[in-house]
């Protein structure tokens, strides 16, 4: 059982900054921030969960069944992540590529302390065993407000003294070769589309995770931003994409396919947005993945309930314009939430069509094990609702091994030009690179 309090916030932005700074003392931290982005489906502006009472950590083998058992037994809020490599649990697939990050394949925890922010209110949920710490924690959170500016200045000096050298796992010529090999698969009819990704990384590197996240979030300002800390491992994400959400008996999936860069000149920027909206190749990419998502949702949907609410709409973010579709379905009240996630995972926007063949080709051509990149982070509530993002536009960090990584990718179709695909990757990588090299 949880003790519940609701407080009115004088300044929600300041409170959010202080709350996340206060949270750094804990080994388990999940911070989800919409950045007040206007969207049709949203329960909270921001959520913080900290301090694990219980947790589940496992490799891919029987991972979804283990999560189902844990979620059913806990009957409480749980927060955590699913790595892309859980594909090996869903299908007869393998992952043997290089892994410099070493995140467990699945991790969820039951937090002792939860903060749910909406507008100028925060709802606080503490397990009864730690309820006596609530008032003291609120006082501690307020103390962090005056330290923010000094921390920013200190980090700036530290970053200049210790520049980060970004390396490419796949160099440009090799990228072209691999994309052409994927195009050969497409022209042969093995697949119609596949998401091909490449890693950028830095070794023997130390970063300040909180300041790095704050910088990334400031310049990106996306609706599915995430700061995740699991002991020595961190995800610092500026994701614009929702993977899947459950509201009662309604399921919502919002795949992104189609990207255009931003321009400071408003006329040119609007032109790029218009061109994206009517780009035949980009729309084709998006429609193919919408069909895949419709098929995935149909496994758990009530008959005839899968519909496309929105097709190929263009949304604008700080760094890019994105083409997003919204696919929804209805499920029975009795269905287990893990079954819905399992039958749609990995998300179509990060795999391809047909899904299994695309994942096999991806594994053969990519050089890096994806791990948490192109996986998902989110929560499941006690009433079996859930919300998960897609882990893209993200920096991953293993503090003990001093390894920093970010990956980017794009959909390869029969109409793909390897050079344009490479340039799109650089557009997507811009924010992460700027933050790490600044």
Protein backbone atom coordinates (compact mmCIF):
# COMPACT_ATOMS: atom_id res chain seq x y z
CA UNK A 1 0.00 0.00 0.00
CA UNK A 2 1.08 3.56 -0.65
CA UNK A 3 0.70 6.83 1.21
CA UNK A 4 -0.55 9.55 -1.11
CA UNK A 5 -0.14 13.33 -0.92
CA UNK A 6 -0.90 16.08 -3.44
CA UNK A 7 0.91 19.42 -3.43
CA UNK A 8 0.45 22.62 -5.44
CA UNK A 9 3.69 23.76 -7.12
CA UNK A 10 4.67 27.42 -7.22
CA UNK A 11 7.04 26.77 -10.13
CA UNK A 12 6.72 23.35 -11.75
CA UNK A 13 9.81 23.82 -13.96
CA UNK A 14 12.02 24.62 -10.97
CA UNK A 15 10.54 21.74 -8.99
CA UNK A 16 11.26 19.30 -11.81
CA UNK A 17 14.90 20.37 -11.97
CA UNK A 18 15.31 20.08 -8.21
CA UNK A 19 13.51 16.74 -8.09
CA UNK A 20 15.78 15.16 -10.68
CA UNK A 21 18.90 16.53 -8.97
CA UNK A 22 17.70 15.13 -5.62
CA UNK A 23 17.07 11.73 -7.25
CA UNK A 24 20.76 11.22 -8.12
CA UNK A 25 21.46 9.75 -4.66
CA UNK A 26 19.56 6.56 -5.55
CA UNK A 27 20.79 3.50 -7.45
CA UNK A 28 17.51 3.17 -9.37
CA UNK A 29 16.08 6.26 -11.05
CA UNK A 30 13.45 6.51 -13.79
CA UNK A 31 12.57 10.03 -14.98
CA UNK A 32 10.05 10.46 -17.81
CA UNK A 33 9.41 13.99 -19.09
CA UNK A 34 6.97 15.14 -21.80
CA UNK A 35 8.49 18.65 -21.78
CA UNK A 36 4.89 19.93 -21.92
CA UNK A 37 4.68 18.88 -25.57
CA UNK A 38 1.06 19.04 -26.77
CA UNK A 39 -0.20 15.51 -27.46
CA UNK A 40 -3.51 13.68 -27.55
CA UNK A 41 -2.51 10.87 -25.21
CA UNK A 42 -0.85 11.82 -21.93
CA UNK A 43 -1.43 11.13 -18.22
CA UNK A 44 1.38 13.20 -16.69
CA UNK A 45 3.76 15.99 -17.64
CA UNK A 46 6.60 14.22 -15.86
CA UNK A 47 7.14 11.18 -13.64
CA UNK A 48 9.93 10.26 -11.24
CA UNK A 49 10.37 6.82 -9.68
CA UNK A 50 13.31 6.07 -7.35
CA UNK A 51 14.70 3.60 -4.84
CA UNK A 52 13.88 -0.03 -5.65
CA UNK A 53 12.07 -2.17 -3.09
CA UNK A 54 12.09 -5.14 -5.49
CA UNK A 55 13.47 -5.62 -9.01
CA UNK A 56 13.74 -8.10 -11.86
CA UNK A 57 16.91 -8.35 -13.96
CA UNK A 58 17.32 -11.02 -16.61
CA UNK A 59 18.74 -11.95 -20.01
CA UNK A 60 16.42 -12.53 -22.96
CA UNK A 61 15.60 -16.20 -22.21
CA UNK A 62 11.95 -16.42 -21.10
CA UNK A 63 12.22 -12.70 -20.30
CA UNK A 64 8.60 -11.79 -21.05
CA UNK A 65 7.27 -14.71 -18.99
CA UNK A 66 9.50 -13.68 -16.08
CA UNK A 67 8.30 -10.08 -16.38
CA UNK A 68 4.69 -11.25 -16.49
CA UNK A 69 5.19 -13.26 -13.30
CA UNK A 70 6.93 -10.31 -11.60
CA UNK A 71 4.26 -7.80 -12.63
CA UNK A 72 1.42 -10.12 -11.57
CA UNK A 73 3.05 -10.83 -8.20
CA UNK A 74 3.97 -7.21 -7.46
CA UNK A 75 0.57 -5.65 -8.32
CA UNK A 76 2.15 -2.21 -8.00
CA UNK A 77 3.84 0.43 -10.12
CA UNK A 78 6.90 -0.93 -11.93
CA UNK A 79 9.36 1.05 -14.07
CA UNK A 80 12.07 -0.23 -16.35
CA UNK A 81 13.26 -1.12 -19.80
CA UNK A 82 13.14 -3.70 -22.57
CA UNK A 83 16.21 -4.01 -24.80
CA UNK A 84 15.93 -4.64 -28.52
CA UNK A 85 17.57 -8.05 -27.97
CA UNK A 86 14.42 -9.40 -26.35
CA UNK A 87 13.61 -10.20 -29.99
CA UNK A 88 15.50 -13.41 -29.19
CA UNK A 89 12.79 -14.34 -26.68
CA UNK A 90 9.95 -13.59 -29.09
CA UNK A 91 11.48 -15.27 -32.16
CA UNK A 92 14.23 -17.80 -32.92
CA UNK A 93 16.87 -15.08 -33.32
CA UNK A 94 20.31 -14.37 -31.87
CA UNK A 95 22.53 -11.38 -31.02
CA UNK A 96 26.29 -11.81 -31.39
CA UNK A 97 27.49 -8.32 -32.35
CA UNK A 98 29.89 -6.25 -30.26
CA UNK A 99 28.51 -4.86 -26.97
CA UNK A 100 30.48 -2.17 -25.18
CA UNK A 101 27.68 -1.20 -22.77
CA UNK A 102 26.65 -4.51 -21.14
CA UNK A 103 23.15 -3.57 -20.02
CA UNK A 104 21.00 -6.50 -18.82
CA UNK A 105 18.43 -7.47 -21.47
CA UNK A 106 15.51 -6.57 -19.18
CA UNK A 107 15.27 -4.59 -15.96
CA UNK A 108 12.22 -3.42 -13.99
CA UNK A 109 11.91 -2.19 -10.43
CA UNK A 110 9.18 -1.44 -7.91
CA UNK A 111 9.99 2.06 -6.59
CA UNK A 112 9.56 3.05 -2.99
CA UNK A 113 8.96 6.67 -4.02
CA UNK A 114 6.98 8.06 -6.98
CA UNK A 115 6.26 11.65 -8.06
CA UNK A 116 3.55 12.28 -10.69
CA UNK A 117 3.56 15.85 -12.05
CA UNK A 118 0.62 17.33 -13.97
CA UNK A 119 0.28 21.06 -14.51
CA UNK A 120 0.99 22.84 -11.21
CA UNK A 121 0.37 19.75 -9.06
CA UNK A 122 2.52 16.85 -7.92
CA UNK A 123 0.99 13.63 -6.64
CA UNK A 124 3.41 11.79 -4.35
CA UNK A 125 3.11 8.04 -3.75
CA UNK A 126 5.35 6.49 -1.07
CA UNK A 127 5.24 2.89 0.02
CA UNK A 128 3.97 2.84 3.59
CA UNK A 129 7.28 1.53 4.87
CA UNK A 130 9.02 4.79 3.88
CA UNK A 131 6.10 7.21 4.32
CA UNK A 132 7.80 8.80 7.32
CA UNK A 133 10.57 10.06 4.96
CA UNK A 134 8.21 12.09 2.76
CA UNK A 135 8.32 15.44 4.57
CA UNK A 136 12.10 15.28 4.97
CA UNK A 137 12.49 14.46 1.27
CA UNK A 138 10.40 17.49 0.26
CA UNK A 139 12.67 19.73 2.33
CA UNK A 140 15.75 18.15 0.74
CA UNK A 141 14.35 18.68 -2.78
CA UNK A 142 13.94 22.42 -2.11
CA UNK A 143 17.63 22.69 -1.17
CA UNK A 144 18.67 21.68 -4.70
CA UNK A 145 17.04 24.69 -6.37
CA UNK A 146 19.85 27.16 -5.61
CA UNK A 147 22.61 24.80 -6.79
CA UNK A 148 21.57 24.37 -10.43
CA UNK A 149 23.49 27.31 -11.91
CA UNK A 150 26.75 26.46 -10.15
CA UNK A 151 26.57 22.85 -11.32
CA UNK A 152 26.09 23.97 -14.93
CA UNK A 153 29.14 26.26 -14.76
CA UNK A 154 31.32 23.59 -13.18
CA UNK A 155 30.40 21.08 -15.83
CA UNK A 156 31.16 23.52 -18.63
CA UNK A 157 34.72 23.97 -17.33
CA UNK A 158 35.19 20.24 -16.88
CA UNK A 159 33.94 19.47 -20.39
CA UNK A 160 36.37 21.91 -22.02
CA UNK A 161 39.32 20.41 -20.11
CA UNK A 162 38.36 16.87 -21.13
CA UNK A 163 37.08 16.84 -24.73
CA UNK A 164 35.35 13.66 -25.84
CA UNK A 165 36.63 11.94 -28.97
CA UNK A 166 33.75 10.33 -30.86
CA UNK A 167 34.57 7.29 -33.02
CA UNK A 168 32.52 5.57 -35.71
CA UNK A 169 31.85 1.83 -35.49
CA UNK A 170 31.03 1.85 -39.23
CA UNK A 171 32.94 4.27 -41.46
CA UNK A 172 31.33 6.03 -44.39
CA UNK A 173 32.52 3.73 -47.20
CA UNK A 174 31.61 0.66 -45.16
CA UNK A 175 28.18 2.18 -44.48
CA UNK A 176 27.57 2.52 -48.22
CA UNK A 177 28.60 -1.11 -48.76
CA UNK A 178 26.23 -2.34 -46.08
CA UNK A 179 23.29 -0.26 -47.32
CA UNK A 180 23.89 -1.56 -50.84
CA UNK A 181 23.92 -5.12 -49.47
CA UNK A 182 20.57 -4.40 -47.78
CA UNK A 183 19.23 -2.96 -51.04
CA UNK A 184 20.24 -6.20 -52.76
CA UNK A 185 18.06 -8.08 -50.24
CA UNK A 186 15.19 -5.71 -51.00
CA UNK A 187 15.53 -5.99 -54.78
CA UNK A 188 15.67 -9.79 -54.42
CA UNK A 189 12.35 -9.66 -52.56
CA UNK A 190 13.63 -10.89 -49.17
CA UNK A 191 12.28 -7.77 -47.42
CA UNK A 192 10.52 -4.52 -48.29
CA UNK A 193 12.12 -2.31 -45.66
CA UNK A 194 14.62 -2.55 -42.80
CA UNK A 195 15.95 -0.13 -40.22
CA UNK A 196 19.76 -0.09 -40.44
CA UNK A 197 21.66 1.44 -37.51
CA UNK A 198 25.22 2.47 -36.74
CA UNK A 199 27.01 3.27 -33.49
CA UNK A 200 29.11 6.29 -32.49
CA UNK A 201 31.13 5.76 -29.32
CA UNK A 202 33.86 7.00 -26.99
CA UNK A 203 36.12 4.86 -24.81
CA UNK A 204 37.91 5.72 -21.56
CA UNK A 205 35.49 8.60 -21.15
CA UNK A 206 33.82 10.06 -18.07
CA UNK A 207 30.72 12.23 -18.30
CA UNK A 208 28.36 13.82 -15.79
CA UNK A 209 25.12 11.96 -16.58
CA UNK A 210 22.71 14.53 -15.14
CA UNK A 211 24.31 17.54 -16.81
CA UNK A 212 24.62 15.65 -20.09
CA UNK A 213 20.93 14.76 -19.94
CA UNK A 214 19.95 18.34 -19.07
CA UNK A 215 21.90 19.70 -22.05
CA UNK A 216 20.45 17.11 -24.41
CA UNK A 217 16.93 17.74 -23.18
CA UNK A 218 17.32 21.52 -23.43
CA UNK A 219 18.33 21.50 -27.08
CA UNK A 220 15.91 18.70 -28.09
CA UNK A 221 12.84 19.28 -25.87
CA UNK A 222 11.04 16.09 -26.95
CA UNK A 223 7.86 14.49 -25.54
CA UNK A 224 9.42 11.18 -24.43
CA UNK A 225 12.61 12.35 -22.76
CA UNK A 226 14.11 9.94 -20.23
CA UNK A 227 16.80 9.89 -17.57
CA UNK A 228 17.34 6.31 -16.46
CA UNK A 229 19.90 5.17 -13.91
CA UNK A 230 20.41 1.54 -12.96
CA UNK A 231 23.42 1.57 -10.62
CA UNK A 232 26.41 2.35 -12.92
CA UNK A 233 24.44 2.34 -16.18
CA UNK A 234 22.63 5.35 -17.63
CA UNK A 235 20.24 6.22 -20.42
CA UNK A 236 20.01 9.91 -21.35
CA UNK A 237 17.27 10.12 -23.94
CA UNK A 238 15.64 12.82 -26.05
CA UNK A 239 13.22 10.47 -27.76
CA UNK A 240 10.36 11.94 -29.82
CA UNK A 241 8.66 8.57 -30.28
CA UNK A 242 6.06 6.58 -28.37
CA UNK A 243 6.23 2.82 -28.77
CA UNK A 244 2.98 1.76 -27.13
CA UNK A 245 0.48 2.95 -24.54
CA UNK A 246 -2.51 1.39 -22.79
CA UNK A 247 -5.41 3.48 -21.47
CA UNK A 248 -8.05 1.17 -20.04
CA UNK A 249 -8.88 -1.09 -22.96
CA UNK A 250 -7.43 1.21 -25.64
CA UNK A 251 -3.97 0.58 -27.11
CA UNK A 252 -2.08 3.36 -28.88
CA UNK A 253 1.06 2.96 -31.01
CA UNK A 254 2.70 5.93 -32.76
CA UNK A 255 5.49 4.87 -35.12
CA UNK A 256 7.84 7.45 -36.61
CA UNK A 257 9.15 7.05 -40.13
CA UNK A 258 10.27 10.06 -42.13
CA UNK A 259 12.74 12.76 -41.07
CA UNK A 260 13.70 16.22 -42.31
CA UNK A 261 16.22 18.63 -40.83
CA UNK A 262 15.30 22.01 -39.34
CA UNK A 263 16.46 25.40 -40.65
CA UNK A 264 16.72 28.68 -38.76
CA UNK A 265 15.11 30.53 -41.67
CA UNK A 266 11.36 30.07 -41.15
CA UNK A 267 10.50 30.08 -44.87
CA UNK A 268 13.07 27.40 -45.66
CA UNK A 269 12.08 25.44 -42.55
CA UNK A 270 8.41 25.40 -43.61
CA UNK A 271 9.45 24.33 -47.09
CA UNK A 272 11.36 21.35 -45.67
CA UNK A 273 8.34 20.43 -43.56
CA UNK A 274 6.06 20.63 -46.61
CA UNK A 275 8.44 18.55 -48.70
CA UNK A 276 8.54 15.86 -46.00
CA UNK A 277 4.73 15.71 -45.86
CA UNK A 278 4.54 14.95 -49.59
CA UNK A 279 7.75 12.96 -50.02
CA UNK A 280 6.77 9.71 -51.77
CA UNK A 281 9.64 7.68 -50.32
CA UNK A 282 9.08 8.89 -46.73
CA UNK A 283 5.33 8.27 -46.91
CA UNK A 284 5.95 4.81 -48.33
CA UNK A 285 8.29 4.01 -45.39
CA UNK A 286 5.69 5.18 -42.91
CA UNK A 287 2.77 3.32 -44.50
CA UNK A 288 4.72 0.04 -44.56
CA UNK A 289 5.40 0.30 -40.83
CA UNK A 290 1.80 1.29 -40.13
CA UNK A 291 0.71 -1.94 -41.81
CA UNK A 292 3.19 -3.87 -39.67
CA UNK A 293 1.91 -2.20 -36.46
CA UNK A 294 -1.69 -2.94 -37.45
CA UNK A 295 -0.75 -6.61 -37.80
CA UNK A 296 1.09 -6.62 -34.45
CA UNK A 297 -1.86 -5.05 -32.61
CA UNK A 298 -4.29 -7.50 -34.18
CA UNK A 299 -2.81 -10.36 -32.10
CA UNK A 300 -4.48 -9.00 -28.95
CA UNK A 301 -7.19 -6.71 -30.36
CA UNK A 302 -10.92 -7.23 -30.37
CA UNK A 303 -11.95 -8.23 -33.87
CA UNK A 304 -12.25 -5.24 -36.20
CA UNK A 305 -10.97 -2.73 -33.62
CA UNK A 306 -7.55 -1.94 -35.17
CA UNK A 307 -7.77 1.46 -36.88
CA UNK A 308 -5.41 4.17 -38.13
CA UNK A 309 -6.33 7.40 -36.35
CA UNK A 310 -3.66 9.48 -38.04
CA UNK A 311 -1.55 8.73 -41.13
CA UNK A 312 1.73 10.42 -42.03
CA UNK A 313 1.24 13.63 -40.04
CA UNK A 314 4.33 15.84 -39.73
CA UNK A 315 5.35 17.05 -36.26
CA UNK A 316 8.03 19.60 -35.52
CA UNK A 317 10.69 19.22 -32.83
CA UNK A 318 13.70 21.38 -31.99
CA UNK A 319 16.14 19.32 -34.05
CA UNK A 320 14.01 17.72 -36.79
CA UNK A 321 10.62 17.40 -38.46
CA UNK A 322 9.15 13.88 -38.11
CA UNK A 323 6.40 11.96 -39.88
CA UNK A 324 4.21 10.18 -37.30
CA UNK A 325 1.18 7.90 -37.59
CA UNK A 326 -1.18 6.76 -34.83
CA UNK A 327 -2.60 3.24 -34.79
CA UNK A 328 -5.10 2.17 -32.11
CA UNK A 329 -6.98 -0.94 -31.03
CA UNK A 330 -9.32 -2.20 -28.30
CA UNK A 331 -8.52 -5.18 -26.06
CA UNK A 332 -10.46 -7.24 -23.54
CA UNK A 333 -10.31 -5.99 -19.94
CA UNK A 334 -8.89 -9.33 -18.80
CA UNK A 335 -5.81 -9.31 -21.03
CA UNK A 336 -2.43 -9.19 -19.33
CA UNK A 337 -0.44 -6.07 -20.27
CA UNK A 338 2.76 -8.06 -20.86
CA UNK A 339 1.01 -10.09 -23.58
CA UNK A 340 0.23 -6.87 -25.47
CA UNK A 341 3.85 -5.74 -25.25
CA UNK A 342 5.28 -9.14 -26.19
CA UNK A 343 3.18 -9.49 -29.34
CA UNK A 344 4.25 -6.06 -30.64
CA UNK A 345 7.95 -6.19 -29.69
CA UNK A 346 10.34 -5.05 -31.05
CA UNK A 347 8.51 -2.05 -32.44
CA UNK A 348 8.03 -1.95 -36.21
CA UNK A 349 9.70 1.43 -36.69
CA UNK A 350 13.03 -0.05 -35.55
CA UNK A 351 12.82 -3.37 -37.41
CA UNK A 352 11.23 -3.56 -40.87
CA UNK A 353 8.92 -5.65 -43.00
CA UNK A 354 8.54 -8.57 -43.02
CA UNK A 355 9.63 -8.25 -39.42
CA UNK A 356 11.55 -11.50 -38.78
CA UNK A 357 13.45 -11.43 -42.08
CA UNK A 358 14.33 -7.76 -41.52
CA UNK A 359 15.70 -8.52 -38.04
CA UNK A 360 17.84 -11.36 -39.41
CA UNK A 361 19.36 -9.12 -42.08
CA UNK A 362 19.85 -6.28 -39.59
CA UNK A 363 21.80 -8.59 -37.29
CA UNK A 364 24.05 -9.75 -40.14
CA UNK A 365 24.89 -6.25 -41.39
CA UNK A 366 25.12 -4.15 -38.21
CA UNK A 367 28.35 -4.14 -36.20
CA UNK A 368 26.95 -3.40 -32.73
CA UNK A 369 24.51 -5.20 -30.46
CA UNK A 370 21.67 -2.70 -30.11
CA UNK A 371 20.89 -3.44 -26.47
CA UNK A 372 18.77 -0.66 -24.98
CA UNK A 373 19.03 1.42 -28.15
CA UNK A 374 15.81 0.85 -30.14
CA UNK A 375 14.32 -0.84 -27.10
CA UNK A 376 11.82 0.85 -24.79
CA UNK A 377 11.58 2.54 -21.38
CA UNK A 378 8.39 3.11 -19.44
CA UNK A 379 6.07 2.00 -16.67
CA UNK A 380 3.16 -0.29 -15.88
CA UNK A 381 0.64 1.00 -13.33
CA UNK A 382 -1.28 -1.07 -10.73
CA UNK A 383 -4.40 -0.93 -12.93
CA UNK A 384 -2.46 -2.48 -15.87
CA UNK A 385 -2.11 0.71 -17.89
CA UNK A 386 1.29 1.41 -19.38
CA UNK A 387 3.30 3.82 -21.51
CA UNK A 388 6.64 3.15 -23.26
CA UNK A 389 8.85 5.22 -25.51
CA UNK A 390 11.23 4.12 -28.25
CA UNK A 391 14.87 4.55 -27.22
CA UNK A 392 16.27 6.72 -30.02
CA UNK A 393 18.15 10.06 -30.00
CA UNK A 394 19.80 8.79 -26.82
CA UNK A 395 23.18 8.63 -25.10
CA UNK A 396 24.01 5.41 -23.25
CA UNK A 397 26.75 5.32 -20.62
CA UNK A 398 28.45 2.58 -18.64
CA UNK A 399 30.17 4.49 -15.85
CA UNK A 400 32.35 1.63 -14.58
CA UNK A 401 33.66 0.77 -18.04
CA UNK A 402 33.86 4.45 -19.08
CA UNK A 403 32.07 3.71 -22.33
CA UNK A 404 29.74 6.22 -23.99
CA UNK A 405 27.58 5.34 -26.99
CA UNK A 406 24.85 6.71 -29.20
CA UNK A 407 23.37 5.05 -32.27
CA UNK A 408 21.29 6.32 -35.16
CA UNK A 409 19.53 4.61 -38.03
CA UNK A 410 17.14 4.95 -40.88
CA UNK A 411 14.69 2.94 -42.93
CA UNK A 412 16.16 1.42 -46.09
CA UNK A 413 13.67 0.82 -48.91
CA UNK A 414 13.99 0.16 -52.65
CA UNK A 415 14.05 3.94 -53.21
CA UNK A 416 16.87 4.62 -50.74
CA UNK A 417 19.96 6.54 -51.81
CA UNK A 418 22.90 5.46 -49.56
CA UNK A 419 24.33 9.00 -49.47
CA UNK A 420 20.99 10.56 -48.43
CA UNK A 421 20.52 7.84 -45.81
CA UNK A 422 23.97 8.62 -44.40
CA UNK A 423 23.19 12.34 -44.29
CA UNK A 424 19.90 11.61 -42.48
CA UNK A 425 21.85 9.67 -39.85
CA UNK A 426 24.10 12.68 -39.28
CA UNK A 427 21.02 14.90 -38.83
CA UNK A 428 19.66 12.51 -36.20
CA UNK A 429 23.06 12.30 -34.47
CA UNK A 430 23.57 16.06 -34.33
CA UNK A 431 22.11 16.71 -30.88
CA UNK A 432 24.00 13.88 -29.16
CA UNK A 433 27.29 14.84 -30.78
CA UNK A 434 26.86 18.52 -29.89
CA UNK A 435 26.18 17.68 -26.25
CA UNK A 436 29.15 15.34 -25.89
CA UNK A 437 31.66 17.48 -27.79
CA UNK A 438 30.62 20.88 -26.41
